[in-house]
Protein backbone atom coordinates (compact mmCIF):
# COMPACT_ATOMS: atom_id res chain seq x y z
CA MET A 1 -18.29 -44.90 14.97
CA ALA A 2 -16.59 -42.06 12.77
CA SER A 3 -14.95 -42.51 9.25
CA VAL A 4 -12.11 -41.44 7.80
CA ALA A 5 -13.07 -38.39 6.66
CA GLN A 6 -14.60 -37.38 9.73
CA GLN A 7 -11.77 -38.94 12.19
CA LEU A 8 -8.78 -36.76 10.11
CA LYS A 9 -10.82 -34.19 9.59
CA ASP A 10 -11.15 -33.36 13.25
CA LEU A 11 -6.68 -33.99 12.67
CA PHE A 12 -5.61 -31.58 10.73
CA VAL A 13 -8.47 -28.52 10.94
CA PRO A 14 -7.72 -27.61 14.62
CA ILE A 15 -3.83 -27.59 12.86
CA HIS A 16 -5.16 -25.85 9.80
CA GLU A 17 -7.73 -22.75 12.05
CA VAL A 18 -4.73 -21.33 13.34
CA ALA A 19 -4.57 -19.32 10.32
CA TYR A 20 -8.06 -17.53 11.98
CA MET A 21 -7.37 -18.69 15.80
CA ALA A 22 -4.00 -17.40 16.56
CA ASP A 23 -2.79 -13.96 16.62
CA GLU A 24 1.02 -14.32 15.61
CA PRO A 25 -0.60 -14.46 11.85
CA ASN A 26 -2.44 -11.51 11.81
CA GLU A 27 0.45 -9.88 12.96
CA GLU A 28 2.57 -11.01 9.91
CA LEU A 29 -0.17 -10.04 7.80
CA GLN A 30 -0.33 -6.23 9.92
CA ALA A 31 3.09 -5.61 9.43
CA LEU A 32 2.42 -6.07 5.34
CA GLY A 33 0.02 -2.59 6.30
CA TYR A 34 -3.29 -4.93 6.81
CA GLU A 35 -5.36 -2.81 8.76
CA GLY A 36 -8.82 -4.67 10.69
CA TYR A 37 -9.22 -8.36 10.05
CA TRP A 38 -11.45 -9.21 6.83
CA PRO A 39 -9.47 -7.82 4.19
CA LEU A 40 -6.10 -9.85 5.19
CA TYR A 41 -8.98 -12.61 5.64
CA PHE A 42 -9.64 -12.08 1.98
CA ALA A 43 -5.94 -11.21 1.17
CA SER A 44 -4.54 -14.11 2.56
CA ARG A 45 -6.71 -16.75 2.27
CA SER A 46 -7.24 -16.04 -1.36
CA ALA A 47 -4.18 -15.63 -2.22
CA PRO A 48 -3.36 -18.79 -4.40
CA LEU A 49 -5.82 -18.03 -7.07
CA GLY A 50 -3.29 -15.30 -7.81
CA ARG A 51 -5.64 -11.53 -8.77
CA VAL A 52 -8.80 -12.91 -9.27
CA PRO A 53 -11.64 -11.03 -9.46
CA ALA A 54 -14.07 -10.32 -6.94
CA GLU A 55 -16.39 -12.37 -8.10
CA VAL A 56 -14.48 -14.77 -8.42
CA VAL A 57 -13.39 -15.45 -5.18
CA ASP A 58 -17.12 -14.82 -4.19
CA ALA A 59 -18.33 -17.71 -6.03
CA LEU A 60 -15.57 -19.90 -4.32
CA PHE A 61 -15.78 -18.73 -0.75
CA TYR A 62 -19.62 -19.70 -1.72
CA ASN A 63 -21.28 -18.16 1.79
CA PHE A 64 -20.29 -14.75 2.58
CA ALA A 65 -23.08 -12.04 2.29
CA PRO A 66 -23.66 -8.95 -0.67
CA GLY A 67 -21.38 -6.81 -1.17
CA GLU A 68 -18.65 -8.43 1.51
CA VAL A 69 -16.50 -9.78 -0.75
CA ALA A 70 -16.21 -7.12 -2.97
CA ALA A 71 -15.07 -4.49 0.20
CA CYS A 72 -12.17 -6.14 -0.12
CA ILE A 73 -10.96 -7.48 -3.07
CA PRO A 74 -9.16 -6.59 -5.69
CA ALA A 75 -8.08 -4.04 -3.04
CA VAL A 76 -6.34 -6.19 -1.10
CA TRP A 77 -3.14 -6.60 -3.70
CA ASP A 78 -2.49 -3.07 -3.22
CA VAL A 79 -1.16 -3.81 -0.44
CA ALA A 80 1.17 -6.55 -1.45
CA THR A 81 1.44 -9.38 -3.32
CA PRO A 82 -0.44 -12.27 -3.73
CA GLU A 83 3.43 -14.26 -3.12
CA ALA A 84 4.61 -11.75 0.05
CA VAL A 85 1.06 -12.64 1.48
CA LEU A 86 1.38 -15.93 1.15
CA ALA A 87 5.14 -16.10 2.80
CA ALA A 88 3.22 -13.49 6.02
CA ARG A 89 0.39 -16.67 6.48
CA GLN A 90 2.82 -19.12 6.67
CA ARG A 91 5.25 -17.76 8.65
CA GLY A 92 2.19 -16.57 12.02
CA CYS A 93 1.38 -19.79 11.80
CA VAL A 94 4.06 -21.77 12.38
CA ALA A 95 4.60 -19.66 14.30
CA ALA A 96 1.65 -19.37 15.90
CA LEU A 97 1.91 -23.61 15.91
CA ARG A 98 5.60 -23.42 17.58
CA ASN A 99 4.42 -21.53 20.80
CA ILE A 100 1.12 -23.10 21.41
CA LEU A 101 3.01 -27.32 21.05
CA GLY A 102 6.43 -25.99 22.64
CA GLU A 103 8.60 -28.80 22.62
CA LEU A 104 6.44 -31.11 21.20
CA ALA A 105 6.89 -28.80 17.73
CA HIS A 106 10.08 -31.15 17.61
CA SER A 107 8.42 -34.05 17.78
CA PRO A 108 9.50 -37.22 14.91
CA VAL A 109 5.32 -37.33 15.38
CA VAL A 110 5.46 -33.54 13.43
CA ALA A 111 7.32 -35.36 10.21
CA ARG A 112 5.71 -38.11 10.39
CA ALA A 113 2.17 -36.48 9.84
CA ALA A 114 3.57 -34.29 7.46
CA GLU A 115 4.18 -36.67 5.27
CA LEU A 116 0.97 -38.38 5.88
CA PHE A 117 -0.74 -36.10 5.29
CA LEU A 118 0.75 -34.62 2.00
CA LYS A 119 0.81 -38.08 1.00
CA ALA A 120 -3.41 -38.00 1.48
CA ALA A 121 -3.43 -34.07 -0.25
CA VAL A 122 -1.17 -35.33 -3.27
CA SER A 123 -3.60 -38.19 -3.84
CA VAL A 124 -6.58 -37.07 -5.01
CA PRO A 125 -7.06 -35.06 -8.47
CA VAL A 126 -7.66 -31.61 -8.68
CA GLU A 127 -10.75 -31.30 -10.80
CA GLY A 128 -14.08 -29.41 -10.00
CA ARG A 129 -11.67 -28.17 -6.62
CA MET A 130 -10.35 -24.73 -7.66
CA LEU A 131 -8.61 -23.02 -4.01
CA PHE A 132 -6.84 -27.54 -3.38
CA ALA A 133 -5.97 -26.62 -6.47
CA GLY A 134 -4.52 -23.05 -5.98
CA LEU A 135 -3.02 -25.20 -2.79
CA ARG A 136 -1.62 -27.38 -5.25
CA SER A 137 0.38 -25.25 -6.95
CA LEU A 138 2.18 -23.87 -4.41
CA PRO A 139 5.89 -25.23 -3.37
CA VAL A 140 6.33 -27.10 -0.53
CA PRO A 141 7.78 -26.22 2.62
CA GLU A 142 10.62 -28.59 3.91
CA GLU A 143 10.52 -27.57 7.27
CA PRO A 144 8.44 -30.07 9.02
CA LEU A 145 5.87 -27.65 11.50
CA ALA A 146 5.57 -25.77 8.10
CA ARG A 147 5.69 -28.72 5.89
CA LEU A 148 2.84 -30.22 7.97
CA TRP A 149 0.32 -26.71 8.58
CA HIS A 150 0.64 -26.50 4.58
CA ALA A 151 -0.29 -30.10 4.51
CA ALA A 152 -3.57 -29.69 7.43
CA THR A 153 -4.67 -26.51 5.52
CA LEU A 154 -4.30 -28.61 1.34
CA LEU A 155 -6.46 -31.46 3.28
CA ARG A 156 -9.31 -28.73 4.68
CA GLU A 157 -9.71 -26.52 1.61
CA HIS A 158 -10.15 -29.73 -0.38
CA ARG A 159 -12.33 -31.09 2.46
CA GLY A 160 -14.38 -27.30 1.90
CA ASP A 161 -14.65 -26.90 -2.25
CA GLY A 162 -15.99 -30.87 -1.24
CA HIS A 163 -18.50 -29.73 1.01
CA LEU A 164 -19.69 -26.47 -1.80
CA ALA A 165 -20.29 -29.88 -3.61
CA ALA A 166 -22.72 -31.31 -1.06
CA LEU A 167 -23.84 -27.83 -0.74
CA ILE A 168 -25.35 -27.47 -4.57
CA ALA A 169 -25.92 -30.09 -4.81
CA ASN A 170 -28.86 -29.93 -2.71
CA GLY A 171 -29.45 -26.80 -3.88
CA ILE A 172 -28.58 -24.27 -0.60
CA ASN A 173 -27.06 -20.76 -1.30
CA GLY A 174 -24.66 -19.59 1.00
CA GLN A 175 -26.10 -17.61 3.28
CA GLU A 176 -29.51 -20.69 3.70
CA SER A 177 -26.02 -23.03 4.61
CA HIS A 178 -25.43 -20.23 7.38
CA VAL A 179 -28.78 -20.95 9.04
CA LEU A 180 -28.66 -24.09 8.59
CA LEU A 181 -25.30 -24.43 10.55
CA ALA A 182 -26.75 -22.69 13.31
CA LEU A 183 -29.21 -24.94 14.13
CA PHE A 184 -27.21 -27.85 13.34
CA TRP A 185 -25.14 -26.11 16.27
CA ASP A 186 -28.51 -25.92 17.76
CA MET A 187 -27.82 -21.52 17.53
CA LYS A 188 -30.30 -19.29 16.97
CA PRO A 189 -29.69 -17.94 13.54
CA ARG A 190 -29.67 -14.11 14.42
CA ASP A 191 -26.76 -15.31 17.28
CA PHE A 192 -24.47 -17.06 14.10
CA GLY A 193 -21.93 -14.56 13.92
CA ARG A 194 -21.67 -14.92 9.95
CA LEU A 195 -24.95 -13.91 9.48
CA ASP A 196 -24.46 -10.99 11.65
CA PRO A 197 -23.46 -9.00 8.00
CA LEU A 198 -27.34 -9.71 7.07
CA SER A 199 -30.71 -6.82 8.91
CA ASP A 200 -33.09 -8.62 10.30
CA ALA A 201 -35.24 -8.60 7.49
CA GLN A 202 -33.05 -10.40 5.08
CA LEU A 203 -32.45 -12.70 7.81
CA GLU A 204 -35.98 -13.99 8.12
CA GLU A 205 -36.43 -13.84 4.19
CA VAL A 206 -33.58 -16.38 4.19
CA ILE A 207 -35.59 -18.53 7.16
CA ASP A 208 -38.46 -18.09 5.65
CA GLY A 209 -37.23 -20.09 1.87
CA LEU A 210 -36.21 -22.65 3.93
CA ARG A 211 -39.39 -22.89 6.25
CA GLN A 212 -41.46 -22.73 2.47
CA ARG A 213 -39.26 -25.73 1.71
CA GLY A 214 -40.36 -27.94 4.75
CA LEU A 215 -36.65 -27.68 6.36
CA VAL A 216 -37.31 -24.73 8.99
CA ASP A 217 -40.53 -24.95 11.21
CA ASN A 218 -42.85 -21.73 12.32
CA ASP A 219 -40.32 -21.12 15.14
CA GLY A 220 -37.44 -21.28 13.47
CA TRP A 221 -36.00 -24.55 13.93
CA PHE A 222 -35.67 -27.32 11.98
CA THR A 223 -37.95 -29.94 11.51
CA PRO A 224 -36.94 -33.72 11.06
CA ALA A 225 -36.45 -32.80 7.18
CA GLY A 226 -34.44 -29.76 7.36
CA ARG A 227 -32.45 -31.80 10.32
CA LYS A 228 -31.68 -34.81 8.09
CA LEU A 229 -30.82 -32.29 5.34
CA ARG A 230 -27.67 -30.87 7.17
CA THR A 231 -26.80 -34.27 7.97
CA ASP A 232 -27.26 -35.87 4.93
CA ILE A 233 -24.82 -33.19 3.55
CA GLU A 234 -21.96 -33.68 5.77
CA ASP A 235 -22.22 -36.82 5.08
CA LEU A 236 -21.91 -36.01 1.24
CA THR A 237 -18.99 -33.78 2.04
CA ASP A 238 -17.29 -36.70 3.85
CA GLU A 239 -17.33 -38.81 1.21
CA LEU A 240 -16.68 -36.49 -1.09
CA ALA A 241 -13.45 -36.19 0.88
CA ALA A 242 -13.15 -39.61 1.56
CA PRO A 243 -10.90 -41.03 -1.74
CA ALA A 244 -7.69 -38.74 -0.15
CA TYR A 245 -7.52 -41.44 2.68
CA THR A 246 -7.65 -44.66 0.85
CA CYS A 247 -4.26 -44.13 0.06
CA LEU A 248 -2.87 -44.44 3.65
CA SER A 249 -2.85 -48.14 5.37
CA ALA A 250 -5.33 -48.83 8.41
CA GLN A 251 -1.32 -48.21 10.29
CA GLU A 252 -0.75 -44.98 8.69
CA ILE A 253 -4.56 -43.72 10.17
CA ALA A 254 -3.80 -45.28 13.76
CA GLU A 255 -0.37 -43.46 13.58
CA LEU A 256 -1.57 -40.10 12.21
CA THR A 257 -4.51 -40.35 14.96
CA THR A 258 -2.60 -41.81 17.62
CA GLY A 259 0.21 -39.55 16.92
CA LEU A 260 -1.74 -36.05 16.25
CA ALA A 261 -4.18 -36.39 19.21
CA PRO A 262 -2.21 -35.04 21.95
CA LEU A 263 -0.73 -31.72 19.76
CA VAL A 264 -4.60 -31.17 18.20
CA GLU A 265 -5.42 -31.33 22.29
CA LYS A 266 -2.90 -28.45 23.31
CA ILE A 267 -3.90 -26.52 19.65
CA LYS A 268 -7.73 -26.84 20.65
CA ALA A 269 -7.05 -25.30 24.27
CA ALA A 270 -5.41 -23.07 23.05
CA SER A 271 -8.35 -21.56 20.76
CA PRO A 272 -10.15 -18.32 21.53
CA PHE A 273 -13.71 -20.20 20.64
């Protein structure tokens, strides 16, 4: 049976990820003057941190190839302020959810889920969770659908900060994490889009490092030890996320899983991936 952390992840992640899967957020950010996907991605996701250097964003986002972040940060702040970017991102995400959900966007479930997700998100400390802390410093929207997206984003980045801690604790760097995730999804690493910036030689160097640690076999697939490590990292991520949900009763968790299921199915069905 899935843990509570896994159950709720399956609900809030699709809500949050309209930021990357839908057209409306991109259109709002393009209206500010951004061109191309990665400048608006780095601007919108790092905006809660303010105008920090590329080195800080690179460290916090963890798994981008050398030079990817510096190609966009800090230049993105010559286009628009972090405050303008945050407002545009939220407008676009809420518009996307409203267009996907139709009448369900006005369901009482939306307001109730937002309330419960926020209850969870403000119940845990921010220590060691930098992106989560940045998001927690932002005002909470009043409108229910905006409130739900904001709360889902808080929980997603809380989990994400914990996932990075789990990777670091297990000695896995950013590019290695992509390789392990690709293999976890039964994909060859070369077919995993986030590894595209690496040349074949660079990618082979990453894989060879995992091979030397006994995590990848000669054919480039998981060894039993490698699969166990990736599973252990996911389990530790769940464990680090779990304290956020201890404030929710069994009835409240059931409310979330039952009430949000139809909405999340519509969102997932609308995803291009």
